[in-house]
PDB file of N, CA and C in Angstrom:
ATOM      1  N   UNK A   1      13.295 -16.281  11.333  1.00  0.00           N
ATOM      2  CA  UNK A   1      12.740 -17.521  10.963  1.00  0.00           C
ATOM      3  C   UNK A   1      13.766 -18.270  10.082  1.00  0.00           C
ATOM      4  N   UNK A   2      13.937 -19.570  10.221  1.00  0.00           N
ATOM      5  CA  UNK A   2      14.852 -20.326   9.356  1.00  0.00           C
ATOM      6  C   UNK A   2      14.086 -21.400   8.677  1.00  0.00           C
ATOM      7  N   UNK A   3      14.614 -21.822   7.543  1.00  0.00           N
ATOM      8  CA  UNK A   3      14.007 -22.851   6.773  1.00  0.00           C
ATOM      9  C   UNK A   3      14.612 -24.226   7.309  1.00  0.00           C
ATOM     10  N   UNK A   4      14.041 -25.322   6.785  1.00  0.00           N
ATOM     11  CA  UNK A   4      14.560 -26.630   7.169  1.00  0.00           C
ATOM     12  C   UNK A   4      15.995 -26.868   6.987  1.00  0.00           C
ATOM     13  N   UNK A   5      16.572 -26.267   5.942  1.00  0.00           N
ATOM     14  CA  UNK A   5      18.046 -26.336   5.669  1.00  0.00           C
ATOM     15  C   UNK A   5      18.903 -25.463   6.548  1.00  0.00           C
ATOM     16  N   UNK A   6      18.247 -24.743   7.441  1.00  0.00           N
ATOM     17  CA  UNK A   6      18.998 -23.864   8.327  1.00  0.00           C
ATOM     18  C   UNK A   6      19.240 -22.431   7.713  1.00  0.00           C
ATOM     19  N   UNK A   7      18.816 -22.276   6.464  1.00  0.00           N
ATOM     20  CA  UNK A   7      18.961 -21.008   5.813  1.00  0.00           C
ATOM     21  C   UNK A   7      17.893 -20.004   6.289  1.00  0.00           C
ATOM     22  N   UNK A   8      18.212 -18.793   6.498  1.00  0.00           N
ATOM     23  CA  UNK A   8      17.289 -17.784   6.990  1.00  0.00           C
ATOM     24  C   UNK A   8      16.231 -17.498   5.904  1.00  0.00           C
ATOM     25  N   UNK A   9      14.960 -17.569   6.227  1.00  0.00           N
ATOM     26  CA  UNK A   9      13.839 -17.209   5.328  1.00  0.00           C
ATOM     27  C   UNK A   9      13.817 -15.726   5.099  1.00  0.00           C
ATOM     28  N   UNK A  10      13.468 -15.365   3.881  1.00  0.00           N
ATOM     29  CA  UNK A  10      13.346 -13.960   3.544  1.00  0.00           C
ATOM     30  C   UNK A  10      12.034 -13.372   4.165  1.00  0.00           C
ATOM     31  N   UNK A  11      12.112 -12.099   4.426  1.00  0.00           N
ATOM     32  CA  UNK A  11      10.886 -11.419   4.942  1.00  0.00           C
ATOM     33  C   UNK A  11       9.885 -11.383   3.817  1.00  0.00           C
ATOM     34  N   UNK A  12       8.612 -11.614   4.126  1.00  0.00           N
ATOM     35  CA  UNK A  12       7.542 -11.610   3.157  1.00  0.00           C
ATOM     36  C   UNK A  12       6.716 -10.302   3.306  1.00  0.00           C
ATOM     37  N   UNK A  13       6.597  -9.631   2.158  1.00  0.00           N
ATOM     38  CA  UNK A  13       5.786  -8.428   2.070  1.00  0.00           C
ATOM     39  C   UNK A  13       4.740  -8.641   1.003  1.00  0.00           C
ATOM     40  N   UNK A  14       3.506  -8.398   1.270  1.00  0.00           N
ATOM     41  CA  UNK A  14       2.420  -8.538   0.353  1.00  0.00           C
ATOM     42  C   UNK A  14       1.888  -7.159   0.068  1.00  0.00           C
ATOM     43  N   UNK A  15       2.028  -6.747  -1.178  1.00  0.00           N
ATOM     44  CA  UNK A  15       1.669  -5.358  -1.564  1.00  0.00           C
ATOM     45  C   UNK A  15       0.161  -5.082  -1.444  1.00  0.00           C
ATOM     46  N   UNK A  16      -0.228  -3.828  -1.344  1.00  0.00           N
ATOM     47  CA  UNK A  16      -1.687  -3.561  -1.273  1.00  0.00           C
ATOM     48  C   UNK A  16      -2.441  -4.083  -2.528  1.00  0.00           C
ATOM     49  N   UNK A  17      -1.789  -4.056  -3.705  1.00  0.00           N
ATOM     50  CA  UNK A  17      -2.467  -4.607  -4.891  1.00  0.00           C
ATOM     51  C   UNK A  17      -2.690  -6.073  -4.775  1.00  0.00           C
ATOM     52  N   UNK A  18      -1.708  -6.783  -4.259  1.00  0.00           N
ATOM     53  CA  UNK A  18      -1.808  -8.245  -4.057  1.00  0.00           C
ATOM     54  C   UNK A  18      -2.895  -8.511  -3.018  1.00  0.00           C
ATOM     55  N   UNK A  19      -2.924  -7.751  -1.978  1.00  0.00           N
ATOM     56  CA  UNK A  19      -3.991  -7.945  -0.908  1.00  0.00           C
ATOM     57  C   UNK A  19      -5.403  -7.738  -1.509  1.00  0.00           C
ATOM     58  N   UNK A  20      -5.499  -6.728  -2.372  1.00  0.00           N
ATOM     59  CA  UNK A  20      -6.786  -6.487  -3.092  1.00  0.00           C
ATOM     60  C   UNK A  20      -7.152  -7.656  -4.007  1.00  0.00           C
ATOM     61  N   UNK A  21      -6.128  -8.170  -4.731  1.00  0.00           N
ATOM     62  CA  UNK A  21      -6.337  -9.368  -5.537  1.00  0.00           C
ATOM     63  C   UNK A  21      -6.895 -10.526  -4.727  1.00  0.00           C
ATOM     64  N   UNK A  22      -6.250 -10.811  -3.573  1.00  0.00           N
ATOM     65  CA  UNK A  22      -6.738 -11.905  -2.728  1.00  0.00           C
ATOM     66  C   UNK A  22      -8.101 -11.718  -2.190  1.00  0.00           C
ATOM     67  N   UNK A  23      -8.507 -10.498  -1.822  1.00  0.00           N
ATOM     68  CA  UNK A  23      -9.829 -10.141  -1.396  1.00  0.00           C
ATOM     69  C   UNK A  23     -10.848 -10.398  -2.528  1.00  0.00           C
ATOM     70  N   UNK A  24     -10.435  -9.978  -3.735  1.00  0.00           N
ATOM     71  CA  UNK A  24     -11.282 -10.194  -4.922  1.00  0.00           C
ATOM     72  C   UNK A  24     -11.529 -11.647  -5.201  1.00  0.00           C
ATOM     73  N   UNK A  25     -10.498 -12.441  -5.106  1.00  0.00           N
ATOM     74  CA  UNK A  25     -10.587 -13.906  -5.341  1.00  0.00           C
ATOM     75  C   UNK A  25     -11.524 -14.527  -4.297  1.00  0.00           C
ATOM     76  N   UNK A  26     -11.395 -14.088  -3.024  1.00  0.00           N
ATOM     77  CA  UNK A  26     -12.282 -14.605  -1.984  1.00  0.00           C
ATOM     78  C   UNK A  26     -13.687 -14.292  -2.275  1.00  0.00           C
ATOM     79  N   UNK A  27     -13.998 -12.968  -2.606  1.00  0.00           N
ATOM     80  CA  UNK A  27     -15.357 -12.569  -2.880  1.00  0.00           C
ATOM     81  C   UNK A  27     -15.951 -13.339  -4.053  1.00  0.00           C
ATOM     82  N   UNK A  28     -15.173 -13.466  -5.121  1.00  0.00           N
ATOM     83  CA  UNK A  28     -15.682 -14.213  -6.282  1.00  0.00           C
ATOM     84  C   UNK A  28     -16.086 -15.608  -5.968  1.00  0.00           C
ATOM     85  N   UNK A  29     -15.201 -16.363  -5.283  1.00  0.00           N
ATOM     86  CA  UNK A  29     -15.490 -17.770  -4.941  1.00  0.00           C
ATOM     87  C   UNK A  29     -16.588 -17.892  -3.896  1.00  0.00           C
ATOM     88  N   UNK A  30     -16.614 -16.940  -2.972  1.00  0.00           N
ATOM     89  CA  UNK A  30     -17.617 -17.018  -1.897  1.00  0.00           C
ATOM     90  C   UNK A  30     -19.011 -16.807  -2.371  1.00  0.00           C
ATOM     91  N   UNK A  31     -19.128 -16.172  -3.543  1.00  0.00           N
ATOM     92  CA  UNK A  31     -20.491 -16.020  -4.100  1.00  0.00           C
ATOM     93  C   UNK A  31     -21.174 -17.336  -4.319  1.00  0.00           C
ATOM     94  N   UNK A  32     -20.398 -18.377  -4.566  1.00  0.00           N
ATOM     95  CA  UNK A  32     -20.980 -19.710  -4.756  1.00  0.00           C
ATOM     96  C   UNK A  32     -20.712 -20.638  -3.600  1.00  0.00           C
ATOM     97  N   UNK A  33     -19.568 -20.445  -2.922  1.00  0.00           N
ATOM     98  CA  UNK A  33     -19.175 -21.317  -1.833  1.00  0.00           C
ATOM     99  C   UNK A  33     -18.280 -20.634  -0.820  1.00  0.00           C
ATOM    100  N   UNK A  34     -18.832 -20.130   0.238  1.00  0.00           N
ATOM    101  CA  UNK A  34     -18.043 -19.457   1.299  1.00  0.00           C
ATOM    102  C   UNK A  34     -16.953 -20.422   1.891  1.00  0.00           C
ATOM    103  N   UNK A  35     -17.316 -21.665   2.064  1.00  0.00           N
ATOM    104  CA  UNK A  35     -16.405 -22.657   2.561  1.00  0.00           C
ATOM    105  C   UNK A  35     -15.209 -22.786   1.644  1.00  0.00           C
ATOM    106  N   UNK A  36     -15.491 -23.037   0.368  1.00  0.00           N
ATOM    107  CA  UNK A  36     -14.398 -23.233  -0.610  1.00  0.00           C
ATOM    108  C   UNK A  36     -13.516 -22.008  -0.766  1.00  0.00           C
ATOM    109  N   UNK A  37     -14.160 -20.852  -0.655  1.00  0.00           N
ATOM    110  CA  UNK A  37     -13.414 -19.578  -0.772  1.00  0.00           C
ATOM    111  C   UNK A  37     -12.341 -19.527   0.365  1.00  0.00           C
ATOM    112  N   UNK A  38     -12.726 -19.889   1.596  1.00  0.00           N
ATOM    113  CA  UNK A  38     -11.788 -19.848   2.719  1.00  0.00           C
ATOM    114  C   UNK A  38     -10.725 -20.913   2.512  1.00  0.00           C
ATOM    115  N   UNK A  39     -11.137 -22.082   2.076  1.00  0.00           N
ATOM    116  CA  UNK A  39     -10.167 -23.179   1.833  1.00  0.00           C
ATOM    117  C   UNK A  39      -9.108 -22.830   0.745  1.00  0.00           C
ATOM    118  N   UNK A  40      -9.628 -22.256  -0.333  1.00  0.00           N
ATOM    119  CA  UNK A  40      -8.807 -21.830  -1.468  1.00  0.00           C
ATOM    120  C   UNK A  40      -7.783 -20.787  -1.026  1.00  0.00           C
ATOM    121  N   UNK A  41      -8.296 -19.775  -0.296  1.00  0.00           N
ATOM    122  CA  UNK A  41      -7.410 -18.653   0.166  1.00  0.00           C
ATOM    123  C   UNK A  41      -6.363 -19.135   1.149  1.00  0.00           C
ATOM    124  N   UNK A  42      -6.721 -20.071   2.007  1.00  0.00           N
ATOM    125  CA  UNK A  42      -5.798 -20.651   2.955  1.00  0.00           C
ATOM    126  C   UNK A  42      -4.645 -21.340   2.220  1.00  0.00           C
ATOM    127  N   UNK A  43      -5.041 -22.095   1.223  1.00  0.00           N
ATOM    128  CA  UNK A  43      -4.058 -22.877   0.393  1.00  0.00           C
ATOM    129  C   UNK A  43      -3.126 -21.919  -0.378  1.00  0.00           C
ATOM    130  N   UNK A  44      -3.755 -20.860  -1.021  1.00  0.00           N
ATOM    131  CA  UNK A  44      -3.016 -19.903  -1.782  1.00  0.00           C
ATOM    132  C   UNK A  44      -2.061 -19.114  -0.903  1.00  0.00           C
ATOM    133  N   UNK A  45      -2.552 -18.736   0.249  1.00  0.00           N
ATOM    134  CA  UNK A  45      -1.659 -18.019   1.250  1.00  0.00           C
ATOM    135  C   UNK A  45      -0.458 -18.867   1.706  1.00  0.00           C
ATOM    136  N   UNK A  46      -0.772 -20.175   1.928  1.00  0.00           N
ATOM    137  CA  UNK A  46       0.363 -21.073   2.288  1.00  0.00           C
ATOM    138  C   UNK A  46       1.401 -21.158   1.193  1.00  0.00           C
ATOM    139  N   UNK A  47       1.013 -21.136  -0.052  1.00  0.00           N
ATOM    140  CA  UNK A  47       1.923 -21.185  -1.208  1.00  0.00           C
ATOM    141  C   UNK A  47       2.745 -19.907  -1.243  1.00  0.00           C
ATOM    142  N   UNK A  48       2.114 -18.772  -0.949  1.00  0.00           N
ATOM    143  CA  UNK A  48       2.862 -17.503  -0.925  1.00  0.00           C
ATOM    144  C   UNK A  48       3.907 -17.508   0.159  1.00  0.00           C
ATOM    145  N   UNK A  49       3.550 -18.059   1.316  1.00  0.00           N
ATOM    146  CA  UNK A  49       4.515 -18.090   2.410  1.00  0.00           C
ATOM    147  C   UNK A  49       5.656 -19.067   2.035  1.00  0.00           C
ATOM    148  N   UNK A  50       5.357 -20.158   1.339  1.00  0.00           N
ATOM    149  CA  UNK A  50       6.357 -21.090   0.891  1.00  0.00           C
ATOM    150  C   UNK A  50       7.348 -20.434  -0.070  1.00  0.00           C
ATOM    151  N   UNK A  51       6.915 -19.608  -0.947  1.00  0.00           N
ATOM    152  CA  UNK A  51       7.764 -18.926  -1.881  1.00  0.00           C
ATOM    153  C   UNK A  51       8.907 -18.121  -1.094  1.00  0.00           C
ATOM    154  N   UNK A  52       8.477 -17.460  -0.100  1.00  0.00           N
ATOM    155  CA  UNK A  52       9.406 -16.696   0.754  1.00  0.00           C
ATOM    156  C   UNK A  52      10.331 -17.644   1.597  1.00  0.00           C
ATOM    157  N   UNK A  53       9.747 -18.697   2.135  1.00  0.00           N
ATOM    158  CA  UNK A  53      10.517 -19.569   2.941  1.00  0.00           C
ATOM    159  C   UNK A  53      11.543 -20.394   2.150  1.00  0.00           C
ATOM    160  N   UNK A  54      11.130 -20.814   0.963  1.00  0.00           N
ATOM    161  CA  UNK A  54      12.049 -21.610   0.089  1.00  0.00           C
ATOM    162  C   UNK A  54      12.952 -20.726  -0.736  1.00  0.00           C
ATOM    163  N   UNK A  55      12.679 -19.446  -0.760  1.00  0.00           N
ATOM    164  CA  UNK A  55      13.474 -18.534  -1.601  1.00  0.00           C
ATOM    165  C   UNK A  55      13.306 -19.030  -3.054  1.00  0.00           C
ATOM    166  N   UNK A  56      12.154 -19.398  -3.457  1.00  0.00           N
ATOM    167  CA  UNK A  56      11.881 -19.991  -4.742  1.00  0.00           C
ATOM    168  C   UNK A  56      12.135 -18.929  -5.847  1.00  0.00           C
ATOM    169  N   UNK A  57      12.876 -19.320  -6.813  1.00  0.00           N
ATOM    170  CA  UNK A  57      13.271 -18.360  -7.866  1.00  0.00           C
ATOM    171  C   UNK A  57      12.127 -18.032  -8.839  1.00  0.00           C
ATOM    172  N   UNK A  58      11.253 -18.946  -9.096  1.00  0.00           N
ATOM    173  CA  UNK A  58      10.176 -18.681  -9.973  1.00  0.00           C
ATOM    174  C   UNK A  58      10.625 -18.506 -11.409  1.00  0.00           C
ATOM    175  N   UNK A  59       9.684 -18.193 -12.309  1.00  0.00           N
ATOM    176  CA  UNK A  59       9.991 -17.980 -13.707  1.00  0.00           C
ATOM    177  C   UNK A  59      10.153 -16.473 -13.974  1.00  0.00           C
ATOM    178  N   UNK A  60      11.257 -16.107 -14.664  1.00  0.00           N
ATOM    179  CA  UNK A  60      11.435 -14.668 -14.994  1.00  0.00           C
ATOM    180  C   UNK A  60      10.351 -14.172 -15.859  1.00  0.00           C
ATOM    181  N   UNK A  61       9.832 -12.963 -15.548  1.00  0.00           N
ATOM    182  CA  UNK A  61       8.861 -12.278 -16.451  1.00  0.00           C
ATOM    183  C   UNK A  61       9.336 -10.908 -16.756  1.00  0.00           C
ATOM    184  N   UNK A  62      10.619 -10.830 -17.175  1.00  0.00           N
ATOM    185  CA  UNK A  62      11.196  -9.568 -17.551  1.00  0.00           C
ATOM    186  C   UNK A  62      10.479  -8.909 -18.736  1.00  0.00           C
ATOM    187  N   UNK A  63       9.782  -9.754 -19.538  1.00  0.00           N
ATOM    188  CA  UNK A  63       9.014  -9.248 -20.641  1.00  0.00           C
ATOM    189  C   UNK A  63       7.892  -8.317 -20.223  1.00  0.00           C
ATOM    190  N   UNK A  64       7.442  -8.491 -18.957  1.00  0.00           N
ATOM    191  CA  UNK A  64       6.386  -7.582 -18.399  1.00  0.00           C
ATOM    192  C   UNK A  64       7.070  -6.448 -17.648  1.00  0.00           C
ATOM    193  N   UNK A  65       8.009  -6.769 -16.751  1.00  0.00           N
ATOM    194  CA  UNK A  65       8.675  -5.753 -15.936  1.00  0.00           C
ATOM    195  C   UNK A  65      10.027  -6.358 -15.448  1.00  0.00           C
ATOM    196  N   UNK A  66      11.071  -5.579 -15.528  1.00  0.00           N
ATOM    197  CA  UNK A  66      12.394  -6.059 -15.140  1.00  0.00           C
ATOM    198  C   UNK A  66      12.362  -6.555 -13.673  1.00  0.00           C
ATOM    199  N   UNK A  67      12.951  -7.758 -13.497  1.00  0.00           N
ATOM    200  CA  UNK A  67      13.046  -8.366 -12.232  1.00  0.00           C
ATOM    201  C   UNK A  67      11.824  -9.090 -11.698  1.00  0.00           C
ATOM    202  N   UNK A  68      10.780  -9.037 -12.442  1.00  0.00           N
ATOM    203  CA  UNK A  68       9.460  -9.673 -12.050  1.00  0.00           C
ATOM    204  C   UNK A  68       9.580 -11.209 -12.176  1.00  0.00           C
ATOM    205  N   UNK A  69       9.081 -11.914 -11.288  1.00  0.00           N
ATOM    206  CA  UNK A  69       9.000 -13.401 -11.297  1.00  0.00           C
ATOM    207  C   UNK A  69       7.523 -13.809 -11.177  1.00  0.00           C
ATOM    208  N   UNK A  70       7.327 -15.048 -11.593  1.00  0.00           N
ATOM    209  CA  UNK A  70       5.904 -15.595 -11.498  1.00  0.00           C
ATOM    210  C   UNK A  70       6.025 -17.031 -11.091  1.00  0.00           C
ATOM    211  N   UNK A  71       4.988 -17.475 -10.303  1.00  0.00           N
ATOM    212  CA  UNK A  71       4.830 -18.823  -9.883  1.00  0.00           C
ATOM    213  C   UNK A  71       3.358 -19.218 -10.211  1.00  0.00           C
ATOM    214  N   UNK A  72       3.160 -20.204 -11.103  1.00  0.00           N
ATOM    215  CA  UNK A  72       1.826 -20.660 -11.389  1.00  0.00           C
ATOM    216  C   UNK A  72       1.274 -21.586 -10.300  1.00  0.00           C
ATOM    217  N   UNK A  73       0.054 -21.298  -9.867  1.00  0.00           N
ATOM    218  CA  UNK A  73      -0.562 -22.117  -8.822  1.00  0.00           C
ATOM    219  C   UNK A  73      -2.056 -22.029  -8.837  1.00  0.00           C
ATOM    220  N   UNK A  74      -2.748 -23.157  -9.033  1.00  0.00           N
ATOM    221  CA  UNK A  74      -4.219 -23.239  -8.972  1.00  0.00           C
ATOM    222  C   UNK A  74      -4.858 -22.185  -9.866  1.00  0.00           C
ATOM    223  N   UNK A  75      -4.509 -22.173 -11.128  1.00  0.00           N
ATOM    224  CA  UNK A  75      -5.097 -21.230 -12.145  1.00  0.00           C
ATOM    225  C   UNK A  75      -4.722 -19.775 -11.935  1.00  0.00           C
ATOM    226  N   UNK A  76      -3.821 -19.511 -11.051  1.00  0.00           N
ATOM    227  CA  UNK A  76      -3.360 -18.137 -10.765  1.00  0.00           C
ATOM    228  C   UNK A  76      -1.869 -18.057 -11.024  1.00  0.00           C
ATOM    229  N   UNK A  77      -1.378 -16.863 -11.250  1.00  0.00           N
ATOM    230  CA  UNK A  77       0.008 -16.582 -11.215  1.00  0.00           C
ATOM    231  C   UNK A  77       0.304 -15.685  -9.976  1.00  0.00           C
ATOM    232  N   UNK A  78       1.221 -16.083  -9.172  1.00  0.00           N
ATOM    233  CA  UNK A  78       1.694 -15.251  -8.032  1.00  0.00           C
ATOM    234  C   UNK A  78       2.918 -14.497  -8.591  1.00  0.00           C
ATOM    235  N   UNK A  79       2.730 -13.190  -8.699  1.00  0.00           N
ATOM    236  CA  UNK A  79       3.813 -12.319  -9.262  1.00  0.00           C
ATOM    237  C   UNK A  79       4.601 -11.712  -8.109  1.00  0.00           C
ATOM    238  N   UNK A  80       5.926 -11.687  -8.198  1.00  0.00           N
ATOM    239  CA  UNK A  80       6.731 -11.202  -7.053  1.00  0.00           C
ATOM    240  C   UNK A  80       8.092 -10.738  -7.580  1.00  0.00           C
ATOM    241  N   UNK A  81       8.752 -10.110  -6.664  1.00  0.00           N
ATOM    242  CA  UNK A  81      10.140  -9.709  -6.854  1.00  0.00           C
ATOM    243  C   UNK A  81      10.939 -10.275  -5.653  1.00  0.00           C
ATOM    244  N   UNK A  82      12.084 -10.760  -5.934  1.00  0.00           N
ATOM    245  CA  UNK A  82      12.942 -11.269  -4.879  1.00  0.00           C
ATOM    246  C   UNK A  82      14.146 -10.356  -4.679  1.00  0.00           C
ATOM    247  N   UNK A  83      14.406 -10.057  -3.441  1.00  0.00           N
ATOM    248  CA  UNK A  83      15.532  -9.145  -3.067  1.00  0.00           C
ATOM    249  C   UNK A  83      16.394  -9.981  -2.122  1.00  0.00           C
ATOM    250  N   UNK A  84      17.601  -9.431  -1.736  1.00  0.00           N
ATOM    251  CA  UNK A  84      18.506 -10.171  -0.805  1.00  0.00           C
ATOM    252  C   UNK A  84      17.805 -10.528   0.501  1.00  0.00           C
ATOM    253  N   UNK A  85      16.930  -9.686   0.976  1.00  0.00           N
ATOM    254  CA  UNK A  85      16.372  -9.899   2.336  1.00  0.00           C
ATOM    255  C   UNK A  85      14.852 -10.066   2.380  1.00  0.00           C
ATOM    256  N   UNK A  86      14.203  -9.956   1.210  1.00  0.00           N
ATOM    257  CA  UNK A  86      12.749 -10.042   1.252  1.00  0.00           C
ATOM    258  C   UNK A  86      12.227 -10.535  -0.113  1.00  0.00           C
ATOM    259  N   UNK A  87      10.953 -10.988  -0.022  1.00  0.00           N
ATOM    260  CA  UNK A  87      10.171 -11.321  -1.207  1.00  0.00           C
ATOM    261  C   UNK A  87       8.959 -10.395  -1.142  1.00  0.00           C
ATOM    262  N   UNK A  88       8.672  -9.700  -2.262  1.00  0.00           N
ATOM    263  CA  UNK A  88       7.538  -8.815  -2.293  1.00  0.00           C
ATOM    264  C   UNK A  88       6.550  -9.372  -3.285  1.00  0.00           C
ATOM    265  N   UNK A  89       5.388  -9.800  -2.799  1.00  0.00           N
ATOM    266  CA  UNK A  89       4.338 -10.300  -3.661  1.00  0.00           C
ATOM    267  C   UNK A  89       3.628  -9.053  -4.243  1.00  0.00           C
ATOM    268  N   UNK A  90       3.588  -8.983  -5.521  1.00  0.00           N
ATOM    269  CA  UNK A  90       3.009  -7.800  -6.187  1.00  0.00           C
ATOM    270  C   UNK A  90       1.569  -7.952  -6.649  1.00  0.00           C
ATOM    271  N   UNK A  91       1.246  -9.105  -7.210  1.00  0.00           N
ATOM    272  CA  UNK A  91      -0.091  -9.400  -7.688  1.00  0.00           C
ATOM    273  C   UNK A  91      -0.355 -10.911  -7.615  1.00  0.00           C
ATOM    274  N   UNK A  92      -1.643 -11.243  -7.533  1.00  0.00           N
ATOM    275  CA  UNK A  92      -2.092 -12.608  -7.692  1.00  0.00           C
ATOM    276  C   UNK A  92      -3.218 -12.554  -8.689  1.00  0.00           C
ATOM    277  N   UNK A  93      -2.926 -12.996  -9.927  1.00  0.00           N
ATOM    278  CA  UNK A  93      -3.886 -12.816 -11.048  1.00  0.00           C
ATOM    279  C   UNK A  93      -4.228 -14.176 -11.714  1.00  0.00           C
ATOM    280  N   UNK A  94      -5.398 -14.232 -12.258  1.00  0.00           N
ATOM    281  CA  UNK A  94      -5.827 -15.437 -12.960  1.00  0.00           C
ATOM    282  C   UNK A  94      -4.979 -15.637 -14.174  1.00  0.00           C
ATOM    283  N   UNK A  95      -4.718 -16.869 -14.484  1.00  0.00           N
ATOM    284  CA  UNK A  95      -3.860 -17.142 -15.669  1.00  0.00           C
ATOM    285  C   UNK A  95      -4.436 -16.684 -16.955  1.00  0.00           C
ATOM    286  N   UNK A  96      -5.752 -16.541 -17.042  1.00  0.00           N
ATOM    287  CA  UNK A  96      -6.430 -16.134 -18.292  1.00  0.00           C
ATOM    288  C   UNK A  96      -6.318 -14.560 -18.523  1.00  0.00           C
ATOM    289  N   UNK A  97      -5.880 -13.871 -17.484  1.00  0.00           N
ATOM    290  CA  UNK A  97      -5.787 -12.423 -17.603  1.00  0.00           C
ATOM    291  C   UNK A  97      -4.683 -12.004 -18.573  1.00  0.00           C
ATOM    292  N   UNK A  98      -4.881 -10.998 -19.318  1.00  0.00           N
ATOM    293  CA  UNK A  98      -3.849 -10.382 -20.173  1.00  0.00           C
ATOM    294  C   UNK A  98      -3.031  -9.406 -19.311  1.00  0.00           C
ATOM    295  N   UNK A  99      -1.846  -9.785 -18.899  1.00  0.00           N
ATOM    296  CA  UNK A  99      -1.084  -8.993 -17.950  1.00  0.00           C
ATOM    297  C   UNK A  99      -0.164  -8.018 -18.718  1.00  0.00           C
ATOM    298  N   UNK A 100      -0.232  -6.754 -18.203  1.00  0.00           N
ATOM    299  CA  UNK A 100       0.647  -5.772 -18.832  1.00  0.00           C
ATOM    300  C   UNK A 100       1.510  -5.092 -17.706  1.00  0.00           C
ATOM    301  N   UNK A 101       2.511  -4.336 -18.230  1.00  0.00           N
ATOM    302  CA  UNK A 101       3.396  -3.634 -17.330  1.00  0.00           C
ATOM    303  C   UNK A 101       2.604  -2.722 -16.336  1.00  0.00           C
ATOM    304  N   UNK A 102       1.556  -2.116 -16.844  1.00  0.00           N
ATOM    305  CA  UNK A 102       0.730  -1.168 -15.964  1.00  0.00           C
ATOM    306  C   UNK A 102       0.133  -1.882 -14.748  1.00  0.00           C
ATOM    307  N   UNK A 103      -0.055  -3.193 -14.864  1.00  0.00           N
ATOM    308  CA  UNK A 103      -0.610  -3.923 -13.755  1.00  0.00           C
ATOM    309  C   UNK A 103       0.284  -3.986 -12.507  1.00  0.00           C
ATOM    310  N   UNK A 104       1.530  -3.538 -12.678  1.00  0.00           N
ATOM    311  CA  UNK A 104       2.501  -3.638 -11.594  1.00  0.00           C
ATOM    312  C   UNK A 104       3.035  -2.252 -11.165  1.00  0.00           C
ATOM    313  N   UNK A 105       2.340  -1.252 -11.561  1.00  0.00           N
ATOM    314  CA  UNK A 105       2.831   0.124 -11.196  1.00  0.00           C
ATOM    315  C   UNK A 105       1.998   0.702 -10.160  1.00  0.00           C
TER     316      UNK A 105
END
């Protein structure tokens, strides 16, 4: 896959913890609105795909874990690591959460 600029998009890997985070977000929102839960997750997933396609650098979060990056979106932080050939989404956590190194192990 290539981006609009002709640059090759990085492979996207979503970790098991990030998948669990996304399922939890869906369950939480669906308790009050199944429609909005689906809409929110579709939008959040599109942003995750964009991070890989754009090779977005994000904000360094070395204070939590070396090489960790974060992108704020819709009251969540999308935490990831960028490698030469891939983007690995590690967690998707609410901005109000107190994030620690252990959350990424």
